[in-house]
Amino acid sequence: RGDNLSHDSTTAAGIMEGHMSNMQKLADMGKLIVAGPFGDRGEWRGIFIMDVKTKEEAEELVKTDPAVVAGRLKYEIHPWWTAKNCVFK
């Protein structure tokens, strides 16, 4: 959840439309692998899992999000690794 939730409903809806469009753009680029909201309405509103080489690349991409730019959402970056096509038994 961001620090600026003062937008009127029309502006907020436009920002969120831009947020969704930006997610699609990042997915089309092959950078955004998984995205979605959390269901508990807590401070953390959702998650992006990105395929990037560096923290700086992730931050650069997140800063293209209109909801981040407007302050409606803020972000934390946490490194995470996984193996592709791996099945654990």
C-alpha atoms as a PDB file:
ATOM      1  CA  ARG A   1       0.000   0.000   0.000  1.00  0.00           C
ATOM      2  CA  GLY A   2       1.348   3.385  -0.959  1.00  0.00           C
ATOM      3  CA  ASP A   3       1.426   6.595   1.008  1.00  0.00           C
ATOM      4  CA  ASN A   4      -0.745   8.613  -1.410  1.00  0.00           C
ATOM      5  CA  LEU A   5      -4.324   7.344  -1.444  1.00  0.00           C
ATOM      6  CA  SER A   6      -5.831  10.808  -1.804  1.00  0.00           C
ATOM      7  CA  HIS A   7      -6.798  10.483  -5.473  1.00  0.00           C
ATOM      8  CA  ASP A   8     -10.455  10.810  -6.388  1.00  0.00           C
ATOM      9  CA  SER A   9     -12.118   7.641  -7.650  1.00  0.00           C
ATOM     10  CA  THR A  10     -11.841   8.565 -11.340  1.00  0.00           C
ATOM     11  CA  THR A  11      -8.130   9.331 -11.058  1.00  0.00           C
ATOM     12  CA  ALA A  12      -7.522   6.206  -8.969  1.00  0.00           C
ATOM     13  CA  ALA A  13      -9.303   4.072 -11.579  1.00  0.00           C
ATOM     14  CA  GLY A  14      -7.131   5.572 -14.330  1.00  0.00           C
ATOM     15  CA  ILE A  15      -3.976   4.901 -12.330  1.00  0.00           C
ATOM     16  CA  MET A  16      -5.005   1.294 -11.779  1.00  0.00           C
ATOM     17  CA  GLU A  17      -5.807   0.894 -15.490  1.00  0.00           C
ATOM     18  CA  GLY A  18      -2.283   2.109 -16.198  1.00  0.00           C
ATOM     19  CA  HIS A  19      -0.956  -0.321 -13.581  1.00  0.00           C
ATOM     20  CA  MET A  20      -2.652  -3.237 -15.341  1.00  0.00           C
ATOM     21  CA  SER A  21      -1.420  -2.096 -18.770  1.00  0.00           C
ATOM     22  CA  ASN A  22       2.111  -1.751 -17.445  1.00  0.00           C
ATOM     23  CA  MET A  23       2.002  -5.271 -16.015  1.00  0.00           C
ATOM     24  CA  GLN A  24       0.970  -6.580 -19.434  1.00  0.00           C
ATOM     25  CA  LYS A  25       3.826  -4.654 -21.071  1.00  0.00           C
ATOM     26  CA  LEU A  26       6.342  -6.145 -18.623  1.00  0.00           C
ATOM     27  CA  ALA A  27       4.897  -9.623 -19.204  1.00  0.00           C
ATOM     28  CA  ASP A  28       5.121  -9.154 -22.986  1.00  0.00           C
ATOM     29  CA  MET A  29       8.784  -8.201 -22.527  1.00  0.00           C
ATOM     30  CA  GLY A  30       9.339 -11.484 -20.672  1.00  0.00           C
ATOM     31  CA  LYS A  31      10.299  -9.647 -17.489  1.00  0.00           C
ATOM     32  CA  LEU A  32       7.152 -10.117 -15.371  1.00  0.00           C
ATOM     33  CA  ILE A  33       6.644 -13.840 -14.809  1.00  0.00           C
ATOM     34  CA  VAL A  34       3.975 -13.865 -12.079  1.00  0.00           C
ATOM     35  CA  ALA A  35       1.824 -11.052 -10.675  1.00  0.00           C
ATOM     36  CA  GLY A  36      -1.236 -10.855  -8.521  1.00  0.00           C
ATOM     37  CA  PRO A  37      -2.895  -9.387  -5.457  1.00  0.00           C
ATOM     38  CA  PHE A  38      -2.907 -10.853  -1.981  1.00  0.00           C
ATOM     39  CA  GLY A  39      -6.338 -11.712  -0.600  1.00  0.00           C
ATOM     40  CA  ASP A  40      -5.887 -10.497   2.962  1.00  0.00           C
ATOM     41  CA  ARG A  41      -5.982  -6.720   2.269  1.00  0.00           C
ATOM     42  CA  GLY A  42      -2.849  -6.210   4.376  1.00  0.00           C
ATOM     43  CA  GLU A  43      -0.059  -3.698   3.870  1.00  0.00           C
ATOM     44  CA  TRP A  44       1.418  -5.823   1.072  1.00  0.00           C
ATOM     45  CA  ARG A  45      -1.139  -5.509  -1.721  1.00  0.00           C
ATOM     46  CA  GLY A  46       0.397  -7.955  -4.203  1.00  0.00           C
ATOM     47  CA  ILE A  47       3.511  -9.500  -5.669  1.00  0.00           C
ATOM     48  CA  PHE A  48       5.553  -9.367  -8.851  1.00  0.00           C
ATOM     49  CA  ILE A  49       8.008 -12.141  -9.640  1.00  0.00           C
ATOM     50  CA  MET A  50      10.370 -10.873 -12.302  1.00  0.00           C
ATOM     51  CA  ASP A  51      13.043 -12.456 -14.451  1.00  0.00           C
ATOM     52  CA  VAL A  52      15.865  -9.917 -14.204  1.00  0.00           C
ATOM     53  CA  LYS A  53      19.631 -10.024 -13.777  1.00  0.00           C
ATOM     54  CA  THR A  54      19.990  -7.373 -11.067  1.00  0.00           C
ATOM     55  CA  LYS A  55      18.122  -5.570  -8.301  1.00  0.00           C
ATOM     56  CA  GLU A  56      18.692  -2.364 -10.242  1.00  0.00           C
ATOM     57  CA  GLU A  57      16.934  -3.782 -13.303  1.00  0.00           C
ATOM     58  CA  ALA A  58      13.961  -4.819 -11.169  1.00  0.00           C
ATOM     59  CA  GLU A  59      13.789  -1.369  -9.601  1.00  0.00           C
ATOM     60  CA  GLU A  60      13.975   0.347 -12.999  1.00  0.00           C
ATOM     61  CA  LEU A  61      11.051  -1.760 -14.241  1.00  0.00           C
ATOM     62  CA  VAL A  62       8.944  -1.274 -11.091  1.00  0.00           C
ATOM     63  CA  LYS A  63       9.387   2.485 -11.382  1.00  0.00           C
ATOM     64  CA  THR A  64       7.564   2.380 -14.759  1.00  0.00           C
ATOM     65  CA  ASP A  65       4.345   1.469 -12.937  1.00  0.00           C
ATOM     66  CA  PRO A  66       1.854   4.376 -12.840  1.00  0.00           C
ATOM     67  CA  ALA A  67       0.596   3.270  -9.398  1.00  0.00           C
ATOM     68  CA  VAL A  68       4.139   3.457  -8.012  1.00  0.00           C
ATOM     69  CA  VAL A  69       4.772   6.804  -9.722  1.00  0.00           C
ATOM     70  CA  ALA A  70       1.511   8.188  -8.252  1.00  0.00           C
ATOM     71  CA  GLY A  71       2.341   6.853  -4.770  1.00  0.00           C
ATOM     72  CA  ARG A  72      -0.707   4.553  -4.600  1.00  0.00           C
ATOM     73  CA  LEU A  73       1.653   1.578  -4.340  1.00  0.00           C
ATOM     74  CA  LYS A  74       5.181   1.287  -3.024  1.00  0.00           C
ATOM     75  CA  TYR A  75       7.568  -1.598  -3.378  1.00  0.00           C
ATOM     76  CA  GLU A  76      10.217  -3.689  -1.710  1.00  0.00           C
ATOM     77  CA  ILE A  77      12.643  -5.792  -3.706  1.00  0.00           C
ATOM     78  CA  HIS A  78      13.726  -9.182  -2.407  1.00  0.00           C
ATOM     79  CA  PRO A  79      16.120 -11.439  -4.328  1.00  0.00           C
ATOM     80  CA  TRP A  80      14.700 -14.901  -4.952  1.00  0.00           C
ATOM     81  CA  TRP A  81      16.027 -17.815  -6.969  1.00  0.00           C
ATOM     82  CA  THR A  82      14.423 -20.957  -8.271  1.00  0.00           C
ATOM     83  CA  ALA A  83      15.261 -23.661 -10.763  1.00  0.00           C
ATOM     84  CA  LYS A  84      13.293 -23.732 -14.008  1.00  0.00           C
ATOM     85  CA  ASN A  85      11.380 -26.889 -14.881  1.00  0.00           C
ATOM     86  CA  CYS A  86      12.244 -28.429 -11.534  1.00  0.00           C
ATOM     87  CA  VAL A  87       9.973 -30.943  -9.874  1.00  0.00           C
ATOM     88  CA  PHE A  88      10.580 -31.771  -6.225  1.00  0.00           C
ATOM     89  CA  LYS A  89       9.580 -35.213  -5.012  1.00  0.00           C
END
